[in-house]
Amino acid sequence: MGVKRIRARAVVACGLFVAAGLATVVVGGAEAQQPSPPTGTLQLVQRERDARFHFIDVPPLRGARHPTSGDGFVITGAVRDQAGMRVGRLQAVFVLTNVRREQAQVTATFILSDGRVVASGAETRANVDDFAIVGGTGRYTGARGTLRVTDSRRSTAFLFTFLG
């Protein structure tokens, strides 16, 4: 057998092997059961002392005392359950959209031991704001619903209401 013929057979054999592997992956994937979206509620809290704040000043540079539209800030830190046990971490980005009214566009990710929950929406700097739950991973795959954020002097409370 010539070298060309051996190469051709090897290419065909590899192609068949890859095709068989893909068929196995597709069939195996179809059998895997997808988790259902979460339902019910979840209550978390971030204590003031657990929160880390970082101001982002974009041109024109005027500092945190005199922010302009487009400036923003990042809040990170531990989140706790109702018993006070640390259950995860918050990473939130705020972009100021109306400085006079203290309004911002917000995207927040809650990194928990059993998955992540992502929420987004407009903040009005009221003591209570509602955001859309826009997705999640792990136990929170397919998550949708609302997130109510309530600020107080010493903490921020998060009430997730999952629609399933």
C-alpha atoms as a PDB file:
ATOM      1  CA  MET A   1       0.000   0.000   0.000  1.00  0.00           C
ATOM      2  CA  GLY A   2       1.312   3.434  -0.899  1.00  0.00           C
ATOM      3  CA  VAL A   3       1.854   6.258   1.579  1.00  0.00           C
ATOM      4  CA  LYS A   4      -0.969   8.311   0.000  1.00  0.00           C
ATOM      5  CA  ARG A   5      -3.454   5.455   0.429  1.00  0.00           C
ATOM      6  CA  ILE A   6      -2.416   4.921   4.094  1.00  0.00           C
ATOM      7  CA  ARG A   7      -2.870   8.643   4.802  1.00  0.00           C
ATOM      8  CA  ALA A   8      -6.287   8.622   3.093  1.00  0.00           C
ATOM      9  CA  ARG A   9      -7.438   5.646   5.183  1.00  0.00           C
ATOM     10  CA  ALA A  10      -6.107   7.253   8.342  1.00  0.00           C
ATOM     11  CA  VAL A  11      -8.003  10.465   7.570  1.00  0.00           C
ATOM     12  CA  VAL A  12     -11.218   8.487   6.933  1.00  0.00           C
ATOM     13  CA  ALA A  13     -10.724   6.469  10.122  1.00  0.00           C
ATOM     14  CA  CYS A  14     -10.125   9.626  12.168  1.00  0.00           C
ATOM     15  CA  GLY A  15     -13.199  11.239  10.628  1.00  0.00           C
ATOM     16  CA  LEU A  16     -15.342   8.223  11.559  1.00  0.00           C
ATOM     17  CA  PHE A  17     -13.902   8.227  15.071  1.00  0.00           C
ATOM     18  CA  VAL A  18     -14.679  11.946  15.532  1.00  0.00           C
ATOM     19  CA  ALA A  19     -18.193  11.521  14.093  1.00  0.00           C
ATOM     20  CA  ALA A  20     -18.891   8.613  16.454  1.00  0.00           C
ATOM     21  CA  GLY A  21     -17.632  10.691  19.376  1.00  0.00           C
ATOM     22  CA  LEU A  22     -19.883  13.619  18.428  1.00  0.00           C
ATOM     23  CA  ALA A  23     -22.878  11.304  18.119  1.00  0.00           C
ATOM     24  CA  THR A  24     -22.152   9.965  21.605  1.00  0.00           C
ATOM     25  CA  VAL A  25     -21.884  13.503  23.008  1.00  0.00           C
ATOM     26  CA  VAL A  26     -25.154  14.577  21.374  1.00  0.00           C
ATOM     27  CA  VAL A  27     -27.030  11.485  22.553  1.00  0.00           C
ATOM     28  CA  GLY A  28     -25.486  11.693  26.030  1.00  0.00           C
ATOM     29  CA  GLY A  29     -26.343  15.409  26.284  1.00  0.00           C
ATOM     30  CA  ALA A  30     -29.980  14.777  25.373  1.00  0.00           C
ATOM     31  CA  GLU A  31     -30.330  12.351  28.283  1.00  0.00           C
ATOM     32  CA  ALA A  32     -28.953  14.759  30.885  1.00  0.00           C
ATOM     33  CA  GLN A  33     -31.710  16.319  32.945  1.00  0.00           C
ATOM     34  CA  GLN A  34     -31.698  20.112  33.077  1.00  0.00           C
ATOM     35  CA  PRO A  35     -32.208  21.695  36.501  1.00  0.00           C
ATOM     36  CA  SER A  36     -35.462  23.585  36.903  1.00  0.00           C
ATOM     37  CA  PRO A  37     -35.332  27.316  37.578  1.00  0.00           C
ATOM     38  CA  PRO A  38     -35.478  28.238  41.268  1.00  0.00           C
ATOM     39  CA  THR A  39     -38.710  29.230  42.985  1.00  0.00           C
ATOM     40  CA  GLY A  40     -39.478  30.848  46.325  1.00  0.00           C
ATOM     41  CA  THR A  41     -37.446  33.487  48.097  1.00  0.00           C
ATOM     42  CA  LEU A  42     -33.898  33.980  49.322  1.00  0.00           C
ATOM     43  CA  GLN A  43     -32.891  36.582  51.902  1.00  0.00           C
ATOM     44  CA  LEU A  44     -29.334  37.853  52.170  1.00  0.00           C
ATOM     45  CA  VAL A  45     -27.709  40.802  53.899  1.00  0.00           C
ATOM     46  CA  GLN A  46     -24.492  42.750  53.475  1.00  0.00           C
ATOM     47  CA  ARG A  47     -23.249  44.419  56.620  1.00  0.00           C
ATOM     48  CA  GLU A  48     -21.777  47.882  56.191  1.00  0.00           C
ATOM     49  CA  ARG A  49     -18.441  46.649  57.571  1.00  0.00           C
ATOM     50  CA  ASP A  50     -18.319  43.815  54.971  1.00  0.00           C
ATOM     51  CA  ALA A  51     -18.797  46.171  51.997  1.00  0.00           C
ATOM     52  CA  ARG A  52     -15.858  47.564  50.032  1.00  0.00           C
ATOM     53  CA  PHE A  53     -16.492  50.721  47.973  1.00  0.00           C
ATOM     54  CA  HIS A  54     -14.373  51.976  45.064  1.00  0.00           C
ATOM     55  CA  PHE A  55     -15.217  55.181  43.153  1.00  0.00           C
ATOM     56  CA  ILE A  56     -14.525  55.370  39.397  1.00  0.00           C
ATOM     57  CA  ASP A  57     -13.972  58.899  38.069  1.00  0.00           C
ATOM     58  CA  VAL A  58     -14.140  59.339  34.295  1.00  0.00           C
ATOM     59  CA  PRO A  59     -13.471  62.642  32.468  1.00  0.00           C
ATOM     60  CA  PRO A  60     -14.217  65.331  33.334  1.00  0.00           C
ATOM     61  CA  LEU A  61     -12.357  64.360  36.501  1.00  0.00           C
ATOM     62  CA  ARG A  62     -14.088  65.982  39.451  1.00  0.00           C
ATOM     63  CA  GLY A  63     -13.756  63.401  42.211  1.00  0.00           C
ATOM     64  CA  ALA A  64     -16.225  61.545  44.388  1.00  0.00           C
ATOM     65  CA  ARG A  65     -17.528  64.763  45.985  1.00  0.00           C
ATOM     66  CA  HIS A  66     -18.619  66.126  42.590  1.00  0.00           C
ATOM     67  CA  PRO A  67     -19.463  63.132  40.375  1.00  0.00           C
ATOM     68  CA  THR A  68     -20.612  63.521  36.778  1.00  0.00           C
ATOM     69  CA  SER A  69     -22.748  61.262  34.587  1.00  0.00           C
ATOM     70  CA  GLY A  70     -20.698  58.248  33.562  1.00  0.00           C
ATOM     71  CA  ASP A  71     -18.788  58.123  36.840  1.00  0.00           C
ATOM     72  CA  GLY A  72     -19.467  55.050  38.865  1.00  0.00           C
ATOM     73  CA  PHE A  73     -18.512  52.843  41.704  1.00  0.00           C
ATOM     74  CA  VAL A  74     -17.985  49.225  42.544  1.00  0.00           C
ATOM     75  CA  ILE A  75     -19.211  47.523  45.696  1.00  0.00           C
ATOM     76  CA  THR A  76     -17.847  44.137  46.704  1.00  0.00           C
ATOM     77  CA  GLY A  77     -17.880  42.105  49.869  1.00  0.00           C
ATOM     78  CA  ALA A  78     -19.375  39.254  51.814  1.00  0.00           C
ATOM     79  CA  VAL A  79     -23.097  38.530  51.941  1.00  0.00           C
ATOM     80  CA  ARG A  80     -24.696  36.651  54.827  1.00  0.00           C
ATOM     81  CA  ASP A  81     -27.825  34.643  55.462  1.00  0.00           C
ATOM     82  CA  GLN A  82     -30.426  35.609  58.079  1.00  0.00           C
ATOM     83  CA  ALA A  83     -28.414  33.807  60.787  1.00  0.00           C
ATOM     84  CA  GLY A  84     -25.362  35.951  60.017  1.00  0.00           C
ATOM     85  CA  MET A  85     -23.351  33.166  58.393  1.00  0.00           C
ATOM     86  CA  ARG A  86     -21.248  34.165  55.397  1.00  0.00           C
ATOM     87  CA  VAL A  87     -22.772  32.444  52.345  1.00  0.00           C
ATOM     88  CA  GLY A  88     -21.140  34.244  49.448  1.00  0.00           C
ATOM     89  CA  ARG A  89     -19.965  37.449  47.892  1.00  0.00           C
ATOM     90  CA  LEU A  90     -21.466  40.414  46.048  1.00  0.00           C
ATOM     91  CA  GLN A  91     -19.879  42.169  43.069  1.00  0.00           C
ATOM     92  CA  ALA A  92     -21.884  45.197  41.877  1.00  0.00           C
ATOM     93  CA  VAL A  93     -21.129  47.939  39.356  1.00  0.00           C
ATOM     94  CA  PHE A  94     -23.002  51.266  39.379  1.00  0.00           C
ATOM     95  CA  VAL A  95     -22.815  53.791  36.525  1.00  0.00           C
ATOM     96  CA  LEU A  96     -24.274  57.211  37.345  1.00  0.00           C
ATOM     97  CA  THR A  97     -26.927  58.247  34.812  1.00  0.00           C
ATOM     98  CA  ASN A  98     -28.450  61.277  36.549  1.00  0.00           C
ATOM     99  CA  VAL A  99     -26.230  62.906  39.160  1.00  0.00           C
ATOM    100  CA  ARG A 100     -28.824  65.413  40.391  1.00  0.00           C
ATOM    101  CA  ARG A 101     -31.362  62.691  41.111  1.00  0.00           C
ATOM    102  CA  GLU A 102     -28.657  60.267  42.259  1.00  0.00           C
ATOM    103  CA  GLN A 103     -29.729  57.610  39.748  1.00  0.00           C
ATOM    104  CA  ALA A 104     -27.538  54.834  38.391  1.00  0.00           C
ATOM    105  CA  GLN A 105     -27.643  51.768  36.183  1.00  0.00           C
ATOM    106  CA  VAL A 106     -26.686  48.700  38.226  1.00  0.00           C
ATOM    107  CA  THR A 107     -25.473  45.186  37.465  1.00  0.00           C
ATOM    108  CA  ALA A 108     -24.872  42.867  40.400  1.00  0.00           C
ATOM    109  CA  THR A 109     -23.655  39.285  40.685  1.00  0.00           C
ATOM    110  CA  PHE A 110     -24.144  37.300  43.888  1.00  0.00           C
ATOM    111  CA  ILE A 111     -21.540  34.534  44.031  1.00  0.00           C
ATOM    112  CA  LEU A 112     -22.938  31.833  46.322  1.00  0.00           C
ATOM    113  CA  SER A 113     -21.694  28.340  47.151  1.00  0.00           C
ATOM    114  CA  ASP A 114     -24.401  26.692  45.017  1.00  0.00           C
ATOM    115  CA  GLY A 115     -24.298  29.068  42.032  1.00  0.00           C
ATOM    116  CA  ARG A 116     -24.535  32.682  40.944  1.00  0.00           C
ATOM    117  CA  VAL A 117     -27.472  35.064  40.622  1.00  0.00           C
ATOM    118  CA  VAL A 118     -27.322  38.129  38.356  1.00  0.00           C
ATOM    119  CA  ALA A 119     -29.591  41.171  38.773  1.00  0.00           C
ATOM    120  CA  SER A 120     -29.782  44.409  36.820  1.00  0.00           C
ATOM    121  CA  GLY A 121     -31.770  47.629  36.675  1.00  0.00           C
ATOM    122  CA  ALA A 122     -31.963  51.309  37.534  1.00  0.00           C
ATOM    123  CA  GLU A 123     -31.220  52.485  41.052  1.00  0.00           C
ATOM    124  CA  THR A 124     -33.030  55.554  42.331  1.00  0.00           C
ATOM    125  CA  ARG A 125     -31.118  56.009  45.613  1.00  0.00           C
ATOM    126  CA  ALA A 126     -34.337  55.454  47.516  1.00  0.00           C
ATOM    127  CA  ASN A 127     -34.134  53.268  50.618  1.00  0.00           C
ATOM    128  CA  VAL A 128     -35.888  50.505  48.661  1.00  0.00           C
ATOM    129  CA  ASP A 129     -35.195  49.609  45.011  1.00  0.00           C
ATOM    130  CA  ASP A 130     -36.385  46.730  42.835  1.00  0.00           C
ATOM    131  CA  PHE A 131     -34.239  45.059  40.180  1.00  0.00           C
ATOM    132  CA  ALA A 132     -34.791  42.289  37.646  1.00  0.00           C
ATOM    133  CA  ILE A 133     -33.181  38.920  38.238  1.00  0.00           C
ATOM    134  CA  VAL A 134     -31.776  38.264  34.783  1.00  0.00           C
ATOM    135  CA  GLY A 135     -30.169  34.846  35.187  1.00  0.00           C
ATOM    136  CA  GLY A 136     -27.947  32.557  37.121  1.00  0.00           C
ATOM    137  CA  THR A 137     -25.748  29.483  37.193  1.00  0.00           C
ATOM    138  CA  GLY A 138     -25.694  26.265  39.206  1.00  0.00           C
ATOM    139  CA  ARG A 139     -28.784  25.973  41.402  1.00  0.00           C
ATOM    140  CA  TYR A 140     -29.932  29.320  39.948  1.00  0.00           C
ATOM    141  CA  THR A 141     -29.774  28.300  36.262  1.00  0.00           C
ATOM    142  CA  GLY A 142     -32.723  29.868  34.464  1.00  0.00           C
ATOM    143  CA  ALA A 143     -33.416  32.237  37.370  1.00  0.00           C
ATOM    144  CA  ARG A 144     -35.861  35.071  36.810  1.00  0.00           C
ATOM    145  CA  GLY A 145     -37.835  37.275  39.133  1.00  0.00           C
ATOM    146  CA  THR A 146     -37.213  40.348  41.247  1.00  0.00           C
ATOM    147  CA  LEU A 147     -34.622  41.500  43.737  1.00  0.00           C
ATOM    148  CA  ARG A 148     -35.714  44.017  46.356  1.00  0.00           C
ATOM    149  CA  VAL A 149     -32.820  45.946  47.909  1.00  0.00           C
ATOM    150  CA  THR A 150     -33.432  47.752  51.199  1.00  0.00           C
ATOM    151  CA  ASP A 151     -30.748  50.053  52.604  1.00  0.00           C
ATOM    152  CA  SER A 152     -30.371  50.927  56.279  1.00  0.00           C
ATOM    153  CA  ARG A 153     -27.599  52.588  58.254  1.00  0.00           C
ATOM    154  CA  ARG A 154     -25.727  49.396  59.113  1.00  0.00           C
ATOM    155  CA  SER A 155     -26.621  46.978  56.307  1.00  0.00           C
ATOM    156  CA  THR A 156     -28.262  46.340  52.962  1.00  0.00           C
ATOM    157  CA  ALA A 157     -30.908  43.615  52.749  1.00  0.00           C
ATOM    158  CA  PHE A 158     -31.536  41.606  49.576  1.00  0.00           C
ATOM    159  CA  LEU A 159     -34.829  39.772  49.029  1.00  0.00           C
ATOM    160  CA  PHE A 160     -34.832  37.554  45.933  1.00  0.00           C
ATOM    161  CA  THR A 161     -38.242  36.410  44.699  1.00  0.00           C
ATOM    162  CA  PHE A 162     -37.776  33.677  42.082  1.00  0.00           C
ATOM    163  CA  LEU A 163     -40.606  33.069  39.600  1.00  0.00           C
ATOM    164  CA  GLY A 164     -39.486  29.612  38.448  1.00  0.00           C
END
